[in-house]
Structure formats: C-alpha cells, structure tokens
Amino acid sequence: MFYKTVLQSHIRVPPERLGDEVKTAITKQLKKQFEGYLSKDIGSVVDISNVINVGKGVIIPGDGAPYYDTTFEIITFKPELQEVVWGKVKDIAEFGVFLNIGPMDGMVHVSQTMDDFVSMSKEKLLQGRDSKRTLKVGDICKGRVIAVSFKDISNPKIGITMRQQGLGKPEWSHEAPKEKEKEEKEKNTDKKTEKKTEKKKK
C-alpha cells in the first residue's frame, strides 16, 4: 500500500549547491538521501512529493555547508497482509514466480500460482494440468499478500498467493463462470443418471 508521510530533519546542503535556490537545493538533497531508502517501519521510499517548510540555515564550525531544519512529505510503499496487489511476472523458477509489484518484488510459490496441478516447460511457461491456464514472464497478474518479512532489510520477503477466485491473470476471472456451468451440467447429468437407475430398479 502507498502512504504519504510527513517527516522533519536537518538537511545538509553541500557547498556546490549553494548557488541554487534554497528549496531547490534541499529537494535535490532529499531525493539523493531518501529515494530508494528501505525501512521496516515505513517501507520503501518512492518519492519526495513536497517540501513543506524550510527553516533558517545553520552552519556548524568545521563544516562549510549549511543545515536547514526542513519539513517534507514522502511517498512510501509498504505491503500489508491480505492486501491485493497488481504485479508483472519478472521471472519463473521451478519453486515459484517472482512478481514485481512496484518498488519491491514478491514471490508466488508454485503451489500458490493457481488452483491446479502445475508443470513448467523449458521456456519458463507454467501450465495448469486441468484448467490449461498458463503463466509466463511479462504477464500482468493480481495477487494477495500472505507474508511480509523485513528480517533482512536489504532483501525483504513478500509472499503472494494467486489461488483464490478473482486472482491471477485478468482473463482467469472470466473463466470462472464457464467452469461453474460445466460443474452444474455434470451434476445435473449425474442426477438424471441416478433417477434412471432408480426407475430401472423399480
């Protein structure tokens, strides 16, 4: 999920940026300092959206750069449990699918890619045995976050499932009614067969 967060910090403006307008120089420093920053508490910093307020500059003895007390707004991304996310298949391995969900990558275990027995070809194509559904690199999919771990802050682990109805590739959702119709027809056929068998017994 994306969040807007307001932070306050003393931002150092290096001497080579003193020729710039103060707010411009601070914005450049904020982007350099925070974009791509990853934290367990706030997630991944996507952008510096706004510099709200800049205080007076203070120069510390021994440092030729001024420091400005700055209030600014950042956009962050932090996946939450049970959140539904869209992503693009980045890679496929024997054990699962790597799904790019924006600032981070999630992993869909092969057993969670679809509600079917799945096999993989040499061309990295996953296919369901009964449903004939396929999944390949570049496909756009919808998944649900089922695990989030920031134990290794440099490499967060995001677990995703696509087995539930309405998840996976968009076209899979359109297949659901057809599958239900097929199941209903099979049930009706079984019932008719049972009735005929009963009549014969009588």
N, C-alpha and C. Protein backbone atom coordinates (compact mmCIF):
# COMPACT_ATOMS: atom_id res chain seq x y z
N MET A 1 0.83 -1.18 0.00
CA MET A 1 0.00 0.00 0.00
C MET A 1 0.88 1.25 0.00
N PHE A 2 0.43 2.29 -0.70
CA PHE A 2 1.19 3.54 -0.76
C PHE A 2 0.72 4.48 0.36
N TYR A 3 1.69 5.18 0.97
CA TYR A 3 1.38 6.10 2.06
C TYR A 3 2.06 7.45 1.81
N LYS A 4 1.42 8.51 2.35
CA LYS A 4 2.05 9.82 2.40
C LYS A 4 2.47 10.05 3.85
N THR A 5 3.74 10.38 4.05
CA THR A 5 4.26 10.57 5.40
C THR A 5 5.00 11.89 5.49
N VAL A 6 4.73 12.66 6.55
CA VAL A 6 5.42 13.93 6.77
C VAL A 6 6.56 13.71 7.77
N LEU A 7 7.77 14.13 7.38
CA LEU A 7 8.96 13.98 8.22
C LEU A 7 9.62 15.33 8.45
N GLN A 8 10.45 15.38 9.47
CA GLN A 8 11.22 16.60 9.76
C GLN A 8 12.67 16.21 10.02
N SER A 9 13.59 16.94 9.40
CA SER A 9 15.01 16.60 9.57
C SER A 9 15.87 17.81 9.24
N HIS A 10 17.12 17.80 9.73
CA HIS A 10 18.09 18.83 9.37
C HIS A 10 18.81 18.36 8.11
N ILE A 11 18.63 19.09 7.03
CA ILE A 11 19.19 18.70 5.74
C ILE A 11 20.44 19.52 5.42
N ARG A 12 21.51 18.81 5.15
CA ARG A 12 22.78 19.46 4.81
C ARG A 12 22.80 19.77 3.32
N VAL A 13 23.08 21.04 2.99
CA VAL A 13 23.22 21.45 1.59
C VAL A 13 24.71 21.65 1.31
N PRO A 14 25.33 20.80 0.48
CA PRO A 14 26.77 20.89 0.22
C PRO A 14 27.14 22.21 -0.47
N PRO A 15 28.38 22.66 -0.29
CA PRO A 15 28.82 23.94 -0.86
C PRO A 15 28.56 24.09 -2.36
N GLU A 16 28.67 22.98 -3.12
CA GLU A 16 28.48 23.08 -4.58
C GLU A 16 27.04 23.40 -4.96
N ARG A 17 26.11 23.28 -4.01
CA ARG A 17 24.71 23.60 -4.30
C ARG A 17 24.27 24.96 -3.76
N LEU A 18 25.19 25.71 -3.19
CA LEU A 18 24.84 27.00 -2.60
C LEU A 18 24.40 28.03 -3.63
N GLY A 19 24.70 27.78 -4.89
CA GLY A 19 24.27 28.70 -5.95
C GLY A 19 22.81 28.49 -6.33
N ASP A 20 22.24 27.35 -5.93
CA ASP A 20 20.84 27.06 -6.23
C ASP A 20 19.90 27.78 -5.26
N GLU A 21 18.65 27.92 -5.67
CA GLU A 21 17.62 28.42 -4.75
C GLU A 21 17.51 27.41 -3.62
N VAL A 22 17.34 27.87 -2.39
CA VAL A 22 17.42 27.02 -1.20
C VAL A 22 16.48 25.81 -1.29
N LYS A 23 15.22 26.05 -1.65
CA LYS A 23 14.24 24.94 -1.70
C LYS A 23 14.64 23.92 -2.77
N THR A 24 15.16 24.41 -3.90
CA THR A 24 15.60 23.51 -4.97
C THR A 24 16.77 22.66 -4.51
N ALA A 25 17.73 23.29 -3.84
CA ALA A 25 18.92 22.57 -3.34
C ALA A 25 18.52 21.52 -2.32
N ILE A 26 17.58 21.87 -1.45
CA ILE A 26 17.13 20.93 -0.42
C ILE A 26 16.38 19.75 -1.04
N THR A 27 15.53 20.04 -2.04
CA THR A 27 14.78 18.98 -2.73
C THR A 27 15.74 17.98 -3.37
N LYS A 28 16.79 18.49 -4.01
CA LYS A 28 17.79 17.62 -4.64
C LYS A 28 18.47 16.74 -3.60
N GLN A 29 18.80 17.32 -2.45
CA GLN A 29 19.47 16.56 -1.40
C GLN A 29 18.54 15.51 -0.79
N LEU A 30 17.27 15.88 -0.62
CA LEU A 30 16.29 14.93 -0.09
C LEU A 30 16.15 13.72 -1.00
N LYS A 31 16.04 13.99 -2.31
CA LYS A 31 15.91 12.90 -3.28
C LYS A 31 17.13 11.99 -3.23
N LYS A 32 18.31 12.60 -3.16
CA LYS A 32 19.55 11.83 -3.11
C LYS A 32 19.63 11.00 -1.84
N GLN A 33 19.14 11.56 -0.74
CA GLN A 33 19.27 10.91 0.56
C GLN A 33 18.20 9.86 0.83
N PHE A 34 16.97 10.10 0.35
CA PHE A 34 15.85 9.24 0.76
C PHE A 34 15.28 8.32 -0.32
N GLU A 35 15.38 8.68 -1.60
CA GLU A 35 14.77 7.83 -2.62
C GLU A 35 15.45 6.46 -2.66
N GLY A 36 14.63 5.40 -2.58
CA GLY A 36 15.17 4.04 -2.53
C GLY A 36 15.48 3.58 -1.13
N TYR A 37 15.33 4.47 -0.14
CA TYR A 37 15.58 4.12 1.26
C TYR A 37 14.54 3.11 1.71
N LEU A 38 14.99 2.07 2.42
CA LEU A 38 14.11 0.99 2.86
C LEU A 38 14.14 0.89 4.37
N SER A 39 12.95 0.86 4.98
CA SER A 39 12.84 0.79 6.42
C SER A 39 11.74 -0.17 6.83
N LYS A 40 11.94 -0.88 7.93
CA LYS A 40 10.94 -1.81 8.45
C LYS A 40 9.67 -1.06 8.84
N ASP A 41 9.82 0.17 9.31
CA ASP A 41 8.67 0.94 9.82
C ASP A 41 7.87 1.61 8.70
N ILE A 42 8.55 2.19 7.72
CA ILE A 42 7.81 2.95 6.69
C ILE A 42 7.82 2.28 5.32
N GLY A 43 8.59 1.21 5.15
CA GLY A 43 8.66 0.53 3.86
C GLY A 43 9.69 1.16 2.94
N SER A 44 9.38 1.23 1.66
CA SER A 44 10.32 1.76 0.67
C SER A 44 9.91 3.18 0.26
N VAL A 45 10.86 4.11 0.29
CA VAL A 45 10.58 5.48 -0.12
C VAL A 45 10.58 5.55 -1.65
N VAL A 46 9.45 5.99 -2.20
CA VAL A 46 9.28 6.06 -3.65
C VAL A 46 9.64 7.44 -4.19
N ASP A 47 9.23 8.50 -3.45
CA ASP A 47 9.45 9.85 -3.97
C ASP A 47 9.35 10.88 -2.84
N ILE A 48 10.01 12.01 -3.07
CA ILE A 48 9.84 13.18 -2.20
C ILE A 48 8.76 14.02 -2.87
N SER A 49 7.57 14.03 -2.33
CA SER A 49 6.45 14.66 -3.02
C SER A 49 6.35 16.16 -2.78
N ASN A 50 6.86 16.64 -1.63
CA ASN A 50 6.69 18.06 -1.34
C ASN A 50 7.64 18.50 -0.22
N VAL A 51 8.23 19.68 -0.38
CA VAL A 51 8.99 20.32 0.70
C VAL A 51 8.04 21.35 1.32
N ILE A 52 7.59 21.07 2.52
CA ILE A 52 6.54 21.89 3.15
C ILE A 52 7.09 23.17 3.76
N ASN A 53 8.20 23.04 4.48
CA ASN A 53 8.74 24.23 5.16
C ASN A 53 10.25 24.10 5.32
N VAL A 54 10.93 25.24 5.14
CA VAL A 54 12.39 25.29 5.31
C VAL A 54 12.72 26.39 6.31
N GLY A 55 13.41 25.99 7.37
CA GLY A 55 13.79 26.97 8.40
C GLY A 55 15.09 27.69 8.02
N LYS A 56 15.62 28.46 8.98
CA LYS A 56 16.86 29.19 8.74
C LYS A 56 18.04 28.23 8.72
N GLY A 57 19.01 28.55 7.86
CA GLY A 57 20.19 27.71 7.76
C GLY A 57 21.14 27.93 8.92
N VAL A 58 21.80 26.85 9.36
CA VAL A 58 22.77 26.92 10.45
C VAL A 58 24.07 26.29 9.97
N ILE A 59 25.18 27.01 10.19
CA ILE A 59 26.49 26.48 9.80
C ILE A 59 27.22 25.99 11.04
N ILE A 60 27.67 24.74 10.98
CA ILE A 60 28.39 24.14 12.10
C ILE A 60 29.88 24.40 11.91
N PRO A 61 30.58 24.83 12.96
CA PRO A 61 32.01 25.09 12.86
C PRO A 61 32.77 23.86 12.34
N GLY A 62 33.61 24.08 11.35
CA GLY A 62 34.39 22.99 10.78
C GLY A 62 33.72 22.37 9.56
N ASP A 63 32.48 22.80 9.27
CA ASP A 63 31.74 22.28 8.11
C ASP A 63 31.26 23.49 7.29
N GLY A 64 31.66 23.56 6.04
CA GLY A 64 31.31 24.71 5.21
C GLY A 64 29.92 24.66 4.61
N ALA A 65 29.11 23.68 5.01
CA ALA A 65 27.76 23.52 4.45
C ALA A 65 26.70 23.91 5.48
N PRO A 66 25.68 24.64 5.05
CA PRO A 66 24.58 24.99 5.96
C PRO A 66 23.60 23.82 6.15
N TYR A 67 22.97 23.78 7.32
CA TYR A 67 21.95 22.77 7.63
C TYR A 67 20.61 23.49 7.80
N TYR A 68 19.59 22.96 7.15
CA TYR A 68 18.26 23.59 7.23
C TYR A 68 17.27 22.64 7.89
N ASP A 69 16.57 23.17 8.90
CA ASP A 69 15.50 22.42 9.55
C ASP A 69 14.34 22.35 8.55
N THR A 70 14.07 21.16 8.03
CA THR A 70 13.13 21.01 6.92
C THR A 70 12.00 20.04 7.24
N THR A 71 10.79 20.47 6.88
CA THR A 71 9.62 19.58 6.98
C THR A 71 9.23 19.20 5.55
N PHE A 72 9.11 17.90 5.30
CA PHE A 72 8.86 17.45 3.93
C PHE A 72 7.93 16.23 3.92
N GLU A 73 7.38 15.97 2.76
CA GLU A 73 6.42 14.87 2.59
C GLU A 73 7.00 13.83 1.64
N ILE A 74 6.90 12.56 2.03
CA ILE A 74 7.41 11.48 1.18
C ILE A 74 6.28 10.50 0.82
N ILE A 75 6.45 9.81 -0.31
CA ILE A 75 5.55 8.74 -0.71
C ILE A 75 6.28 7.42 -0.46
N THR A 76 5.65 6.53 0.29
CA THR A 76 6.28 5.25 0.60
C THR A 76 5.37 4.09 0.17
N PHE A 77 5.99 2.94 -0.02
CA PHE A 77 5.24 1.72 -0.35
C PHE A 77 5.58 0.66 0.68
N LYS A 78 4.53 0.15 1.34
CA LYS A 78 4.73 -0.91 2.33
C LYS A 78 3.60 -1.93 2.18
N PRO A 79 3.91 -3.14 1.70
CA PRO A 79 2.87 -4.16 1.54
C PRO A 79 2.30 -4.60 2.88
N GLU A 80 0.98 -4.77 2.92
CA GLU A 80 0.30 -5.20 4.14
C GLU A 80 -0.31 -6.58 3.94
N LEU A 81 -0.40 -7.35 5.00
CA LEU A 81 -1.01 -8.67 4.93
C LEU A 81 -2.45 -8.59 4.43
N GLN A 82 -2.81 -9.48 3.53
CA GLN A 82 -4.14 -9.60 2.91
C GLN A 82 -4.42 -8.50 1.87
N GLU A 83 -3.46 -7.63 1.64
CA GLU A 83 -3.64 -6.61 0.61
C GLU A 83 -3.59 -7.25 -0.79
N VAL A 84 -4.48 -6.78 -1.66
CA VAL A 84 -4.49 -7.25 -3.05
C VAL A 84 -3.62 -6.32 -3.89
N VAL A 85 -2.67 -6.88 -4.62
CA VAL A 85 -1.73 -6.08 -5.41
C VAL A 85 -1.68 -6.56 -6.85
N TRP A 86 -1.35 -5.64 -7.74
CA TRP A 86 -1.11 -5.97 -9.15
C TRP A 86 0.40 -6.04 -9.36
N GLY A 87 0.83 -6.96 -10.22
CA GLY A 87 2.25 -7.06 -10.50
C GLY A 87 2.52 -7.67 -11.86
N LYS A 88 3.79 -7.61 -12.25
CA LYS A 88 4.22 -8.17 -13.53
C LYS A 88 5.19 -9.31 -13.27
N VAL A 89 4.98 -10.44 -13.94
CA VAL A 89 5.87 -11.60 -13.75
C VAL A 89 7.26 -11.24 -14.24
N LYS A 90 8.21 -11.24 -13.31
CA LYS A 90 9.59 -10.86 -13.61
C LYS A 90 10.43 -12.07 -14.02
N ASP A 91 10.18 -13.19 -13.34
CA ASP A 91 10.94 -14.41 -13.64
C ASP A 91 10.16 -15.61 -13.09
N ILE A 92 10.45 -16.78 -13.64
CA ILE A 92 9.81 -18.01 -13.20
C ILE A 92 10.89 -19.06 -12.93
N ALA A 93 10.84 -19.63 -11.73
CA ALA A 93 11.77 -20.70 -11.36
C ALA A 93 10.95 -21.96 -11.03
N GLU A 94 11.63 -23.06 -10.79
CA GLU A 94 10.94 -24.32 -10.50
C GLU A 94 10.09 -24.22 -9.24
N PHE A 95 10.56 -23.41 -8.27
CA PHE A 95 9.86 -23.33 -6.99
C PHE A 95 8.79 -22.23 -6.95
N GLY A 96 8.82 -21.31 -7.94
CA GLY A 96 7.81 -20.25 -7.90
C GLY A 96 8.02 -19.14 -8.90
N VAL A 97 7.18 -18.11 -8.75
CA VAL A 97 7.15 -16.98 -9.67
C VAL A 97 7.54 -15.70 -8.94
N PHE A 98 8.44 -14.91 -9.54
CA PHE A 98 8.82 -13.62 -8.97
C PHE A 98 7.96 -12.54 -9.62
N LEU A 99 7.22 -11.84 -8.77
CA LEU A 99 6.25 -10.85 -9.23
C LEU A 99 6.70 -9.45 -8.82
N ASN A 100 6.92 -8.58 -9.80
CA ASN A 100 7.31 -7.20 -9.50
C ASN A 100 6.05 -6.41 -9.17
N ILE A 101 5.95 -5.90 -7.94
CA ILE A 101 4.77 -5.16 -7.51
C ILE A 101 5.09 -3.68 -7.30
N GLY A 102 6.05 -3.18 -8.07
CA GLY A 102 6.41 -1.76 -7.98
C GLY A 102 7.80 -1.60 -7.39
N PRO A 103 7.90 -0.98 -6.21
CA PRO A 103 9.21 -0.78 -5.58
C PRO A 103 9.83 -2.07 -5.07
N MET A 104 9.04 -3.13 -4.96
CA MET A 104 9.54 -4.39 -4.42
C MET A 104 9.12 -5.56 -5.31
N ASP A 105 9.74 -6.72 -5.06
CA ASP A 105 9.35 -7.96 -5.72
C ASP A 105 8.74 -8.90 -4.70
N GLY A 106 7.68 -9.60 -5.12
CA GLY A 106 7.09 -10.62 -4.27
C GLY A 106 7.33 -11.98 -4.89
N MET A 107 7.13 -13.04 -4.10
CA MET A 107 7.33 -14.39 -4.61
C MET A 107 6.06 -15.21 -4.43
N VAL A 108 5.62 -15.84 -5.53
CA VAL A 108 4.45 -16.71 -5.50
C VAL A 108 4.96 -18.14 -5.60
N HIS A 109 4.82 -18.91 -4.52
CA HIS A 109 5.26 -20.32 -4.58
C HIS A 109 4.46 -21.03 -5.66
N VAL A 110 5.08 -22.00 -6.31
CA VAL A 110 4.44 -22.68 -7.44
C VAL A 110 3.08 -23.26 -7.04
N SER A 111 2.94 -23.67 -5.78
CA SER A 111 1.66 -24.24 -5.32
C SER A 111 0.59 -23.17 -5.14
N GLN A 112 1.02 -21.90 -5.14
CA GLN A 112 0.08 -20.80 -4.95
C GLN A 112 -0.21 -20.03 -6.25
N THR A 113 0.30 -20.52 -7.38
CA THR A 113 0.08 -19.81 -8.65
C THR A 113 -1.33 -19.99 -9.18
N MET A 114 -1.90 -21.19 -8.98
CA MET A 114 -3.27 -21.46 -9.44
C MET A 114 -3.80 -22.69 -8.72
N ASP A 115 -5.11 -22.83 -8.69
CA ASP A 115 -5.73 -23.96 -8.00
C ASP A 115 -5.77 -25.16 -8.95
N ASP A 116 -4.59 -25.73 -9.20
CA ASP A 116 -4.46 -26.81 -10.19
C ASP A 116 -3.07 -27.43 -10.02
N PHE A 117 -2.86 -28.61 -10.60
CA PHE A 117 -1.52 -29.19 -10.64
C PHE A 117 -0.76 -28.44 -11.73
N VAL A 118 0.43 -27.92 -11.38
CA VAL A 118 1.19 -27.06 -12.29
C VAL A 118 2.49 -27.71 -12.72
N SER A 119 2.80 -27.56 -14.02
CA SER A 119 4.08 -28.04 -14.54
C SER A 119 4.76 -26.89 -15.29
N MET A 120 6.10 -26.96 -15.42
CA MET A 120 6.83 -25.90 -16.10
C MET A 120 7.62 -26.45 -17.28
N SER A 121 7.56 -25.74 -18.39
CA SER A 121 8.32 -26.15 -19.59
C SER A 121 9.70 -25.50 -19.57
N LYS A 122 10.55 -25.88 -20.52
CA LYS A 122 11.89 -25.30 -20.62
C LYS A 122 11.84 -23.81 -20.93
N GLU A 123 10.74 -23.36 -21.54
CA GLU A 123 10.60 -21.95 -21.92
C GLU A 123 10.07 -21.10 -20.77
N LYS A 124 10.13 -21.64 -19.54
CA LYS A 124 9.63 -20.95 -18.35
C LYS A 124 8.15 -20.62 -18.48
N LEU A 125 7.39 -21.59 -18.92
CA LEU A 125 5.95 -21.44 -19.05
C LEU A 125 5.28 -22.38 -18.05
N LEU A 126 4.51 -21.81 -17.13
CA LEU A 126 3.77 -22.62 -16.18
C LEU A 126 2.40 -22.95 -16.77
N GLN A 127 1.95 -24.19 -16.61
CA GLN A 127 0.64 -24.56 -17.15
C GLN A 127 -0.11 -25.46 -16.17
N GLY A 128 -1.41 -25.16 -16.00
CA GLY A 128 -2.27 -25.98 -15.15
C GLY A 128 -2.72 -27.22 -15.92
N ARG A 129 -2.67 -28.37 -15.26
CA ARG A 129 -2.99 -29.63 -15.94
C ARG A 129 -4.45 -29.68 -16.40
N ASP A 130 -5.39 -29.35 -15.51
CA ASP A 130 -6.82 -29.46 -15.85
C ASP A 130 -7.39 -28.17 -16.43
N SER A 131 -6.98 -27.03 -15.86
CA SER A 131 -7.54 -25.74 -16.31
C SER A 131 -6.92 -25.24 -17.61
N LYS A 132 -5.71 -25.75 -17.94
CA LYS A 132 -4.95 -25.31 -19.12
C LYS A 132 -4.52 -23.85 -19.03
N ARG A 133 -4.63 -23.28 -17.85
CA ARG A 133 -4.16 -21.90 -17.66
C ARG A 133 -2.64 -21.85 -17.79
N THR A 134 -2.13 -20.74 -18.32
CA THR A 134 -0.68 -20.59 -18.48
C THR A 134 -0.20 -19.31 -17.82
N LEU A 135 1.06 -19.32 -17.46
CA LEU A 135 1.69 -18.15 -16.83
C LEU A 135 3.11 -18.04 -17.36
N LYS A 136 3.46 -16.86 -17.86
CA LYS A 136 4.81 -16.67 -18.42
C LYS A 136 5.36 -15.32 -18.01
N VAL A 137 6.65 -15.12 -18.25
CA VAL A 137 7.32 -13.86 -17.93
C VAL A 137 6.65 -12.73 -18.73
N GLY A 138 6.36 -11.63 -18.03
CA GLY A 138 5.72 -10.48 -18.68
C GLY A 138 4.22 -10.39 -18.43
N ASP A 139 3.61 -11.49 -17.95
CA ASP A 139 2.17 -11.47 -17.67
C ASP A 139 1.84 -10.54 -16.51
N ILE A 140 0.71 -9.84 -16.62
CA ILE A 140 0.21 -8.99 -15.55
C ILE A 140 -0.76 -9.81 -14.71
N CYS A 141 -0.56 -9.81 -13.39
CA CYS A 141 -1.37 -10.64 -12.51
C CYS A 141 -1.80 -9.88 -11.26
N LYS A 142 -2.84 -10.41 -10.63
CA LYS A 142 -3.33 -9.87 -9.36
C LYS A 142 -3.13 -10.93 -8.28
N GLY A 143 -2.57 -10.53 -7.16
CA GLY A 143 -2.32 -11.48 -6.08
C GLY A 143 -2.67 -10.89 -4.72
N ARG A 144 -2.68 -11.75 -3.72
CA ARG A 144 -2.95 -11.33 -2.35
C ARG A 144 -1.71 -11.58 -1.50
N VAL A 145 -1.30 -10.56 -0.71
CA VAL A 145 -0.12 -10.68 0.14
C VAL A 145 -0.44 -11.58 1.33
N ILE A 146 0.35 -12.64 1.52
CA ILE A 146 0.10 -13.58 2.62
C ILE A 146 1.27 -13.65 3.60
N ALA A 147 2.38 -13.00 3.28
CA ALA A 147 3.54 -13.00 4.19
C ALA A 147 4.41 -11.78 3.91
N VAL A 148 4.86 -11.12 4.98
CA VAL A 148 5.76 -9.96 4.86
C VAL A 148 6.85 -10.09 5.91
N SER A 149 8.11 -10.04 5.48
CA SER A 149 9.23 -10.13 6.41
C SER A 149 10.31 -9.12 6.04
N PHE A 150 10.67 -8.27 7.03
CA PHE A 150 11.75 -7.31 6.84
C PHE A 150 12.96 -7.71 7.70
N LYS A 151 13.09 -9.02 7.95
CA LYS A 151 14.19 -9.51 8.79
C LYS A 151 15.52 -9.10 8.17
N ASP A 152 15.66 -9.31 6.86
CA ASP A 152 16.83 -8.84 6.12
C ASP A 152 16.39 -7.57 5.40
N ILE A 153 16.72 -6.41 5.97
CA ILE A 153 16.20 -5.15 5.46
C ILE A 153 16.65 -4.87 4.03
N SER A 154 17.77 -5.45 3.61
CA SER A 154 18.25 -5.24 2.24
C SER A 154 17.52 -6.12 1.23
N ASN A 155 16.82 -7.13 1.75
CA ASN A 155 16.11 -8.07 0.87
C ASN A 155 14.81 -8.54 1.53
N PRO A 156 13.78 -7.66 1.58
CA PRO A 156 12.52 -8.04 2.22
C PRO A 156 11.84 -9.19 1.48
N LYS A 157 11.15 -10.05 2.23
CA LYS A 157 10.46 -11.21 1.65
C LYS A 157 8.95 -10.95 1.64
N ILE A 158 8.38 -10.96 0.45
CA ILE A 158 6.94 -10.75 0.29
C ILE A 158 6.33 -12.00 -0.33
N GLY A 159 5.48 -12.70 0.42
CA GLY A 159 4.82 -13.90 -0.08
C GLY A 159 3.45 -13.56 -0.64
N ILE A 160 3.13 -14.10 -1.81
CA ILE A 160 1.88 -13.78 -2.50
C ILE A 160 1.18 -15.06 -2.96
N THR A 161 -0.16 -15.06 -2.93
CA THR A 161 -0.93 -16.17 -3.48
C THR A 161 -1.81 -15.69 -4.63
N MET A 162 -2.05 -16.58 -5.59
CA MET A 162 -2.96 -16.27 -6.70
C MET A 162 -3.98 -17.40 -6.88
N ARG A 163 -4.16 -18.23 -5.84
CA ARG A 163 -5.03 -19.40 -5.96
C ARG A 163 -6.51 -19.06 -5.83
N GLN A 164 -6.81 -18.01 -5.07
CA GLN A 164 -8.21 -17.69 -4.81
C GLN A 164 -8.91 -17.14 -6.05
N GLN A 165 -10.23 -17.30 -6.06
CA GLN A 165 -11.02 -16.82 -7.19
C GLN A 165 -10.88 -15.30 -7.34
N GLY A 166 -10.71 -14.84 -8.57
CA GLY A 166 -10.55 -13.41 -8.83
C GLY A 166 -9.11 -12.97 -8.87
N LEU A 167 -8.18 -13.86 -8.50
CA LEU A 167 -6.75 -13.53 -8.53
C LEU A 167 -6.11 -14.16 -9.76
N GLY A 168 -4.83 -13.83 -9.96
CA GLY A 168 -4.12 -14.35 -11.14
C GLY A 168 -4.27 -13.43 -12.33
N LYS A 169 -4.17 -13.97 -13.53
CA LYS A 169 -4.32 -13.17 -14.74
C LYS A 169 -5.78 -12.72 -14.89
N PRO A 170 -6.00 -11.52 -15.42
CA PRO A 170 -7.37 -10.99 -15.55
C PRO A 170 -8.32 -11.93 -16.28
N GLU A 171 -7.83 -12.60 -17.34
CA GLU A 171 -8.71 -13.48 -18.12
C GLU A 171 -9.15 -14.72 -17.34
N TRP A 172 -8.43 -15.06 -16.26
CA TRP A 172 -8.84 -16.21 -15.45
C TRP A 172 -10.18 -15.97 -14.78
N SER A 173 -10.46 -14.70 -14.46
CA SER A 173 -11.73 -14.37 -13.80
C SER A 173 -12.91 -14.66 -14.72
N HIS A 174 -12.72 -14.49 -16.03
CA HIS A 174 -13.80 -14.72 -16.99
C HIS A 174 -14.04 -16.22 -17.21
N GLU A 175 -13.04 -17.02 -16.82
CA GLU A 175 -13.18 -18.47 -17.00
C GLU A 175 -14.05 -19.09 -15.91
N ALA A 176 -14.12 -18.42 -14.75
CA ALA A 176 -14.82 -18.98 -13.58
C ALA A 176 -16.27 -19.35 -13.87
N PRO A 177 -17.09 -18.46 -14.50
CA PRO A 177 -18.47 -18.82 -14.77
C PRO A 177 -18.59 -20.05 -15.67
N LYS A 178 -17.69 -20.18 -16.65
CA LYS A 178 -17.72 -21.33 -17.55
C LYS A 178 -17.45 -22.62 -16.79
N GLU A 179 -16.50 -22.54 -15.85
CA GLU A 179 -16.18 -23.72 -15.06
C GLU A 179 -17.36 -24.12 -14.19
N LYS A 180 -18.05 -23.10 -13.62
CA LYS A 180 -19.21 -23.38 -12.78
C LYS A 180 -20.33 -24.00 -13.60
N GLU A 181 -20.53 -23.46 -14.81
CA GLU A 181 -21.57 -24.00 -15.69
C GLU A 181 -21.28 -25.47 -16.01
N LYS A 182 -20.00 -25.77 -16.26
CA LYS A 182 -19.60 -27.13 -16.58
C LYS A 182 -19.88 -28.06 -15.40
N GLU A 183 -19.55 -27.56 -14.16
CA GLU A 183 -19.78 -28.35 -12.96
C GLU A 183 -21.27 -28.62 -12.76
N GLU A 184 -22.10 -27.56 -13.00
CA GLU A 184 -23.55 -27.70 -12.85
C GLU A 184 -24.10 -28.72 -13.83
N LYS A 185 -23.64 -28.66 -15.08
CA LYS A 185 -24.10 -29.61 -16.09
C LYS A 185 -23.75 -31.04 -15.71
N GLU A 186 -22.51 -31.20 -15.18
CA GLU A 186 -22.06 -32.53 -14.76
C GLU A 186 -22.91 -33.05 -13.60
N LYS A 187 -23.26 -32.15 -12.67
CA LYS A 187 -24.10 -32.53 -11.53
C LYS A 187 -25.49 -32.94 -12.01
N ASN A 188 -26.07 -32.14 -12.92
CA ASN A 188 -27.40 -32.43 -13.45
C ASN A 188 -27.42 -33.76 -14.20
N THR A 189 -26.34 -34.02 -14.95
CA THR A 189 -26.23 -35.29 -15.68
C THR A 189 -26.18 -36.46 -14.72
N ASP A 190 -25.42 -36.29 -13.63
CA ASP A 190 -25.31 -37.34 -12.62
C ASP A 190 -26.66 -37.62 -11.97
N LYS A 191 -27.42 -36.53 -11.70
CA LYS A 191 -28.74 -36.68 -11.07
C LYS A 191 -29.70 -37.43 -11.99
N LYS A 192 -29.67 -37.09 -13.29
CA LYS A 192 -30.53 -37.76 -14.27
C LYS A 192 -30.19 -39.25 -14.36
N THR A 193 -28.90 -39.53 -14.33
CA THR A 193 -28.44 -40.92 -14.39
C THR A 193 -28.93 -41.70 -13.17
N GLU A 194 -28.86 -41.04 -12.01
CA GLU A 194 -29.31 -41.68 -10.76
C GLU A 194 -30.81 -41.99 -10.83
N LYS A 195 -31.61 -41.04 -11.36
CA LYS A 195 -33.06 -41.23 -11.46
C LYS A 195 -33.40 -42.39 -12.40
N LYS A 196 -32.69 -42.45 -13.53
CA LYS A 196 -32.91 -43.54 -14.49
C LYS A 196 -32.59 -44.88 -13.86
N THR A 197 -31.52 -44.93 -13.08
CA THR A 197 -31.10 -46.16 -12.40
C THR A 197 -32.16 -46.59 -11.40
N GLU A 198 -32.73 -45.61 -10.67
CA GLU A 198 -33.77 -45.90 -9.68
C GLU A 198 -35.01 -46.48 -10.36
N LYS A 199 -35.41 -45.88 -11.50
CA LYS A 199 -36.60 -46.35 -12.23
C LYS A 199 -36.41 -47.79 -12.71
N LYS A 200 -35.22 -48.09 -13.20
CA LYS A 200 -34.93 -49.44 -13.68
C LYS A 200 -35.03 -50.45 -12.54
N LYS A 201 -34.59 -50.06 -11.36
CA LYS A 201 -34.63 -50.94 -10.20
C LYS A 201 -36.08 -51.25 -9.82
N LYS A 202 -36.97 -50.25 -9.94
CA LYS A 202 -38.37 -50.42 -9.61
C LYS A 202 -39.03 -51.34 -10.62
